[in-house]
Amino acid sequence: MDTNRILGRWKELKGKLRENYGELTEDELEKARGDRAHLEGILQHRLGKTKDEARKALDEVLEAV
């Protein structure tokens, strides 16, 4: 999903990320707003995922919104 589509569905995406990964903070998500690489980095760091795992997790959330 490209940046424009992420931004267009940001509220839905942010809610789904918080629902699936309660460890994520509002501040972290707002700092990453629309930046896929930043979102993947947050998932990697906060959830202890590899880069590929973080990418897959984000893809799954994006497909759900």
PDB file of N, CA and C in Angstrom:
ATOM      1  N   MET A   1       0.860  -1.166   0.000  1.00  0.00           N
ATOM      2  CA  MET A   1       0.000   0.000   0.000  1.00  0.00           C
ATOM      3  C   MET A   1       0.905   1.228   0.000  1.00  0.00           C
ATOM      4  N   ASP A   2       0.644   2.166  -0.882  1.00  0.00           N
ATOM      5  CA  ASP A   2       1.494   3.340  -0.969  1.00  0.00           C
ATOM      6  C   ASP A   2       1.155   4.363   0.117  1.00  0.00           C
ATOM      7  N   THR A   3       2.017   5.353   0.246  1.00  0.00           N
ATOM      8  CA  THR A   3       1.880   6.357   1.300  1.00  0.00           C
ATOM      9  C   THR A   3       0.551   7.091   1.237  1.00  0.00           C
ATOM     10  N   ASN A   4       0.091   7.455   0.045  1.00  0.00           N
ATOM     11  CA  ASN A   4      -1.178   8.179  -0.066  1.00  0.00           C
ATOM     12  C   ASN A   4      -2.342   7.342   0.440  1.00  0.00           C
ATOM     13  N   ARG A   5      -2.339   6.068   0.139  1.00  0.00           N
ATOM     14  CA  ARG A   5      -3.413   5.190   0.617  1.00  0.00           C
ATOM     15  C   ARG A   5      -3.316   4.989   2.122  1.00  0.00           C
ATOM     16  N   ILE A   6      -2.095   4.899   2.636  1.00  0.00           N
ATOM     17  CA  ILE A   6      -1.919   4.769   4.087  1.00  0.00           C
ATOM     18  C   ILE A   6      -2.460   6.010   4.781  1.00  0.00           C
ATOM     19  N   LEU A   7      -2.096   7.182   4.270  1.00  0.00           N
ATOM     20  CA  LEU A   7      -2.570   8.421   4.883  1.00  0.00           C
ATOM     21  C   LEU A   7      -4.080   8.562   4.787  1.00  0.00           C
ATOM     22  N   GLY A   8      -4.646   8.143   3.660  1.00  0.00           N
ATOM     23  CA  GLY A   8      -6.080   8.244   3.467  1.00  0.00           C
ATOM     24  C   GLY A   8      -6.874   7.370   4.423  1.00  0.00           C
ATOM     25  N   ARG A   9      -6.274   6.303   4.863  1.00  0.00           N
ATOM     26  CA  ARG A   9      -6.952   5.375   5.779  1.00  0.00           C
ATOM     27  C   ARG A   9      -6.259   5.337   7.138  1.00  0.00           C
ATOM     28  N   TRP A  10      -5.575   6.430   7.471  1.00  0.00           N
ATOM     29  CA  TRP A  10      -4.737   6.450   8.662  1.00  0.00           C
ATOM     30  C   TRP A  10      -5.503   6.129   9.943  1.00  0.00           C
ATOM     31  N   LYS A  11      -6.661   6.720  10.144  1.00  0.00           N
ATOM     32  CA  LYS A  11      -7.400   6.470  11.389  1.00  0.00           C
ATOM     33  C   LYS A  11      -7.762   4.993  11.535  1.00  0.00           C
ATOM     34  N   GLU A  12      -8.217   4.393  10.448  1.00  0.00           N
ATOM     35  CA  GLU A  12      -8.551   2.969  10.475  1.00  0.00           C
ATOM     36  C   GLU A  12      -7.311   2.122  10.734  1.00  0.00           C
ATOM     37  N   LEU A  13      -6.243   2.464  10.036  1.00  0.00           N
ATOM     38  CA  LEU A  13      -5.003   1.710  10.171  1.00  0.00           C
ATOM     39  C   LEU A  13      -4.449   1.822  11.588  1.00  0.00           C
ATOM     40  N   LYS A  14      -4.435   3.028  12.111  1.00  0.00           N
ATOM     41  CA  LYS A  14      -3.914   3.251  13.454  1.00  0.00           C
ATOM     42  C   LYS A  14      -4.737   2.463  14.481  1.00  0.00           C
ATOM     43  N   GLY A  15      -6.045   2.477  14.331  1.00  0.00           N
ATOM     44  CA  GLY A  15      -6.901   1.723  15.241  1.00  0.00           C
ATOM     45  C   GLY A  15      -6.635   0.231  15.180  1.00  0.00           C
ATOM     46  N   LYS A  16      -6.463  -0.265  13.972  1.00  0.00           N
ATOM     47  CA  LYS A  16      -6.200  -1.701  13.792  1.00  0.00           C
ATOM     48  C   LYS A  16      -4.830  -2.073  14.376  1.00  0.00           C
ATOM     49  N   LEU A  17      -3.838  -1.223  14.180  1.00  0.00           N
ATOM     50  CA  LEU A  17      -2.518  -1.481  14.754  1.00  0.00           C
ATOM     51  C   LEU A  17      -2.588  -1.517  16.276  1.00  0.00           C
ATOM     52  N   ARG A  18      -3.312  -0.569  16.857  1.00  0.00           N
ATOM     53  CA  ARG A  18      -3.453  -0.533  18.320  1.00  0.00           C
ATOM     54  C   ARG A  18      -4.225  -1.754  18.816  1.00  0.00           C
ATOM     55  N   GLU A  19      -5.220  -2.172  18.057  1.00  0.00           N
ATOM     56  CA  GLU A  19      -6.015  -3.351  18.418  1.00  0.00           C
ATOM     57  C   GLU A  19      -5.154  -4.614  18.404  1.00  0.00           C
ATOM     58  N   ASN A  20      -4.356  -4.761  17.362  1.00  0.00           N
ATOM     59  CA  ASN A  20      -3.528  -5.952  17.212  1.00  0.00           C
ATOM     60  C   ASN A  20      -2.266  -5.922  18.070  1.00  0.00           C
ATOM     61  N   TYR A  21      -1.727  -4.742  18.261  1.00  0.00           N
ATOM     62  CA  TYR A  21      -0.454  -4.592  18.970  1.00  0.00           C
ATOM     63  C   TYR A  21      -0.591  -3.505  20.026  1.00  0.00           C
ATOM     64  N   GLY A  22      -1.186  -3.860  21.134  1.00  0.00           N
ATOM     65  CA  GLY A  22      -1.444  -2.914  22.220  1.00  0.00           C
ATOM     66  C   GLY A  22      -0.195  -2.292  22.805  1.00  0.00           C
ATOM     67  N   GLU A  23       0.952  -2.875  22.518  1.00  0.00           N
ATOM     68  CA  GLU A  23       2.210  -2.342  23.032  1.00  0.00           C
ATOM     69  C   GLU A  23       2.591  -1.024  22.373  1.00  0.00           C
ATOM     70  N   LEU A  24       2.023  -0.755  21.206  1.00  0.00           N
ATOM     71  CA  LEU A  24       2.359   0.464  20.471  1.00  0.00           C
ATOM     72  C   LEU A  24       1.697   1.668  21.131  1.00  0.00           C
ATOM     73  N   THR A  25       2.443   2.750  21.218  1.00  0.00           N
ATOM     74  CA  THR A  25       1.897   3.961  21.830  1.00  0.00           C
ATOM     75  C   THR A  25       1.344   4.900  20.762  1.00  0.00           C
ATOM     76  N   GLU A  26       0.480   5.782  21.194  1.00  0.00           N
ATOM     77  CA  GLU A  26      -0.096   6.795  20.310  1.00  0.00           C
ATOM     78  C   GLU A  26       1.016   7.667  19.719  1.00  0.00           C
ATOM     79  N   ASP A  27       1.986   8.041  20.538  1.00  0.00           N
ATOM     80  CA  ASP A  27       3.096   8.876  20.071  1.00  0.00           C
ATOM     81  C   ASP A  27       3.907   8.182  18.979  1.00  0.00           C
ATOM     82  N   GLU A  28       4.189   6.904  19.161  1.00  0.00           N
ATOM     83  CA  GLU A  28       4.948   6.160  18.152  1.00  0.00           C
ATOM     84  C   GLU A  28       4.203   6.142  16.821  1.00  0.00           C
ATOM     85  N   LEU A  29       2.926   5.874  16.895  1.00  0.00           N
ATOM     86  CA  LEU A  29       2.139   5.807  15.660  1.00  0.00           C
ATOM     87  C   LEU A  29       2.038   7.166  14.986  1.00  0.00           C
ATOM     88  N   GLU A  30       1.886   8.220  15.752  1.00  0.00           N
ATOM     89  CA  GLU A  30       1.793   9.560  15.159  1.00  0.00           C
ATOM     90  C   GLU A  30       3.116   9.990  14.532  1.00  0.00           C
ATOM     91  N   LYS A  31       4.223   9.611  15.133  1.00  0.00           N
ATOM     92  CA  LYS A  31       5.531   9.937  14.549  1.00  0.00           C
ATOM     93  C   LYS A  31       5.740   9.234  13.218  1.00  0.00           C
ATOM     94  N   ALA A  32       5.172   8.040  13.079  1.00  0.00           N
ATOM     95  CA  ALA A  32       5.332   7.244  11.864  1.00  0.00           C
ATOM     96  C   ALA A  32       4.258   7.525  10.831  1.00  0.00           C
ATOM     97  N   ARG A  33       3.334   8.368  11.121  1.00  0.00           N
ATOM     98  CA  ARG A  33       2.167   8.637  10.286  1.00  0.00           C
ATOM     99  C   ARG A  33       2.465   8.560   8.785  1.00  0.00           C
ATOM    100  N   GLY A  34       1.950   7.513   8.151  1.00  0.00           N
ATOM    101  CA  GLY A  34       2.061   7.373   6.707  1.00  0.00           C
ATOM    102  C   GLY A  34       3.380   6.848   6.187  1.00  0.00           C
ATOM    103  N   ASP A  35       4.357   6.689   7.040  1.00  0.00           N
ATOM    104  CA  ASP A  35       5.685   6.242   6.610  1.00  0.00           C
ATOM    105  C   ASP A  35       5.812   4.738   6.882  1.00  0.00           C
ATOM    106  N   ARG A  36       5.664   3.970   5.837  1.00  0.00           N
ATOM    107  CA  ARG A  36       5.673   2.509   5.975  1.00  0.00           C
ATOM    108  C   ARG A  36       6.961   1.997   6.605  1.00  0.00           C
ATOM    109  N   ALA A  37       8.096   2.514   6.181  1.00  0.00           N
ATOM    110  CA  ALA A  37       9.372   2.052   6.720  1.00  0.00           C
ATOM    111  C   ALA A  37       9.455   2.332   8.220  1.00  0.00           C
ATOM    112  N   HIS A  38       8.971   3.482   8.623  1.00  0.00           N
ATOM    113  CA  HIS A  38       8.977   3.838  10.047  1.00  0.00           C
ATOM    114  C   HIS A  38       8.050   2.901  10.829  1.00  0.00           C
ATOM    115  N   LEU A  39       6.875   2.617  10.284  1.00  0.00           N
ATOM    116  CA  LEU A  39       5.944   1.689  10.938  1.00  0.00           C
ATOM    117  C   LEU A  39       6.571   0.308  11.093  1.00  0.00           C
ATOM    118  N   GLU A  40       7.236  -0.155  10.055  1.00  0.00           N
ATOM    119  CA  GLU A  40       7.905  -1.457  10.129  1.00  0.00           C
ATOM    120  C   GLU A  40       8.992  -1.434  11.200  1.00  0.00           C
ATOM    121  N   GLY A  41       9.730  -0.335  11.267  1.00  0.00           N
ATOM    122  CA  GLY A  41      10.782  -0.200  12.278  1.00  0.00           C
ATOM    123  C   GLY A  41      10.230  -0.234  13.693  1.00  0.00           C
ATOM    124  N   ILE A  42       9.093   0.413  13.891  1.00  0.00           N
ATOM    125  CA  ILE A  42       8.459   0.400  15.213  1.00  0.00           C
ATOM    126  C   ILE A  42       8.040  -1.022  15.579  1.00  0.00           C
ATOM    127  N   LEU A  43       7.430  -1.719  14.629  1.00  0.00           N
ATOM    128  CA  LEU A  43       7.019  -3.100  14.896  1.00  0.00           C
ATOM    129  C   LEU A  43       8.235  -3.963  15.224  1.00  0.00           C
ATOM    130  N   GLN A  44       9.316  -3.774  14.501  1.00  0.00           N
ATOM    131  CA  GLN A  44      10.543  -4.526  14.766  1.00  0.00           C
ATOM    132  C   GLN A  44      11.025  -4.275  16.185  1.00  0.00           C
ATOM    133  N   HIS A  45      11.147  -3.021  16.523  1.00  0.00           N
ATOM    134  CA  HIS A  45      11.721  -2.638  17.815  1.00  0.00           C
ATOM    135  C   HIS A  45      10.822  -3.019  18.993  1.00  0.00           C
ATOM    136  N   ARG A  46       9.564  -2.628  18.937  1.00  0.00           N
ATOM    137  CA  ARG A  46       8.661  -2.821  20.072  1.00  0.00           C
ATOM    138  C   ARG A  46       8.226  -4.265  20.255  1.00  0.00           C
ATOM    139  N   LEU A  47       8.125  -5.018  19.176  1.00  0.00           N
ATOM    140  CA  LEU A  47       7.606  -6.373  19.264  1.00  0.00           C
ATOM    141  C   LEU A  47       8.687  -7.437  19.114  1.00  0.00           C
ATOM    142  N   GLY A  48       9.920  -7.009  18.890  1.00  0.00           N
ATOM    143  CA  GLY A  48      11.022  -7.957  18.758  1.00  0.00           C
ATOM    144  C   GLY A  48      10.923  -8.817  17.513  1.00  0.00           C
ATOM    145  N   LYS A  49      10.406  -8.228  16.437  1.00  0.00           N
ATOM    146  CA  LYS A  49      10.246  -8.968  15.183  1.00  0.00           C
ATOM    147  C   LYS A  49      11.430  -8.705  14.262  1.00  0.00           C
ATOM    148  N   THR A  50      11.668  -9.639  13.348  1.00  0.00           N
ATOM    149  CA  THR A  50      12.672  -9.407  12.317  1.00  0.00           C
ATOM    150  C   THR A  50      12.068  -8.440  11.297  1.00  0.00           C
ATOM    151  N   LYS A  51      12.894  -7.954  10.401  1.00  0.00           N
ATOM    152  CA  LYS A  51      12.414  -7.031   9.374  1.00  0.00           C
ATOM    153  C   LYS A  51      11.325  -7.678   8.519  1.00  0.00           C
ATOM    154  N   ASP A  52      11.539  -8.920   8.123  1.00  0.00           N
ATOM    155  CA  ASP A  52      10.547  -9.633   7.312  1.00  0.00           C
ATOM    156  C   ASP A  52       9.255  -9.877   8.089  1.00  0.00           C
ATOM    157  N   GLU A  53       9.378 -10.228   9.364  1.00  0.00           N
ATOM    158  CA  GLU A  53       8.191 -10.442  10.197  1.00  0.00           C
ATOM    159  C   GLU A  53       7.400  -9.148  10.364  1.00  0.00           C
ATOM    160  N   ALA A  54       8.108  -8.037  10.556  1.00  0.00           N
ATOM    161  CA  ALA A  54       7.445  -6.738  10.708  1.00  0.00           C
ATOM    162  C   ALA A  54       6.727  -6.351   9.421  1.00  0.00           C
ATOM    163  N   ARG A  55       7.366  -6.583   8.287  1.00  0.00           N
ATOM    164  CA  ARG A  55       6.754  -6.277   6.992  1.00  0.00           C
ATOM    165  C   ARG A  55       5.488  -7.110   6.787  1.00  0.00           C
ATOM    166  N   LYS A  56       5.575  -8.392   7.110  1.00  0.00           N
ATOM    167  CA  LYS A  56       4.421  -9.276   6.963  1.00  0.00           C
ATOM    168  C   LYS A  56       3.288  -8.864   7.905  1.00  0.00           C
ATOM    169  N   ALA A  57       3.621  -8.528   9.139  1.00  0.00           N
ATOM    170  CA  ALA A  57       2.607  -8.114  10.111  1.00  0.00           C
ATOM    171  C   ALA A  57       1.894  -6.852   9.632  1.00  0.00           C
ATOM    172  N   LEU A  58       2.653  -5.904   9.109  1.00  0.00           N
ATOM    173  CA  LEU A  58       2.055  -4.667   8.610  1.00  0.00           C
ATOM    174  C   LEU A  58       1.197  -4.945   7.384  1.00  0.00           C
ATOM    175  N   ASP A  59       1.655  -5.807   6.502  1.00  0.00           N
ATOM    176  CA  ASP A  59       0.858  -6.183   5.329  1.00  0.00           C
ATOM    177  C   ASP A  59      -0.488  -6.770   5.746  1.00  0.00           C
ATOM    178  N   GLU A  60      -0.469  -7.611   6.769  1.00  0.00           N
ATOM    179  CA  GLU A  60      -1.707  -8.229   7.242  1.00  0.00           C
ATOM    180  C   GLU A  60      -2.675  -7.180   7.786  1.00  0.00           C
ATOM    181  N   VAL A  61      -2.164  -6.211   8.513  1.00  0.00           N
ATOM    182  CA  VAL A  61      -3.012  -5.143   9.048  1.00  0.00           C
ATOM    183  C   VAL A  61      -3.557  -4.294   7.900  1.00  0.00           C
ATOM    184  N   LEU A  62      -2.723  -3.978   6.925  1.00  0.00           N
ATOM    185  CA  LEU A  62      -3.152  -3.161   5.798  1.00  0.00           C
ATOM    186  C   LEU A  62      -4.244  -3.857   4.990  1.00  0.00           C
ATOM    187  N   GLU A  63      -4.145  -5.167   4.855  1.00  0.00           N
ATOM    188  CA  GLU A  63      -5.174  -5.914   4.128  1.00  0.00           C
ATOM    189  C   GLU A  63      -6.506  -5.919   4.876  1.00  0.00           C
ATOM    190  N   ALA A  64      -6.429  -5.808   6.198  1.00  0.00           N
ATOM    191  CA  ALA A  64      -7.644  -5.867   7.017  1.00  0.00           C
ATOM    192  C   ALA A  64      -8.413  -4.550   7.061  1.00  0.00           C
ATOM    193  N   VAL A  65      -7.785  -3.455   6.653  1.00  0.00           N
ATOM    194  CA  VAL A  65      -8.492  -2.156   6.679  1.00  0.00           C
ATOM    195  C   VAL A  65      -8.971  -1.755   5.311  1.00  0.00           C
TER     196      VAL A  65
END
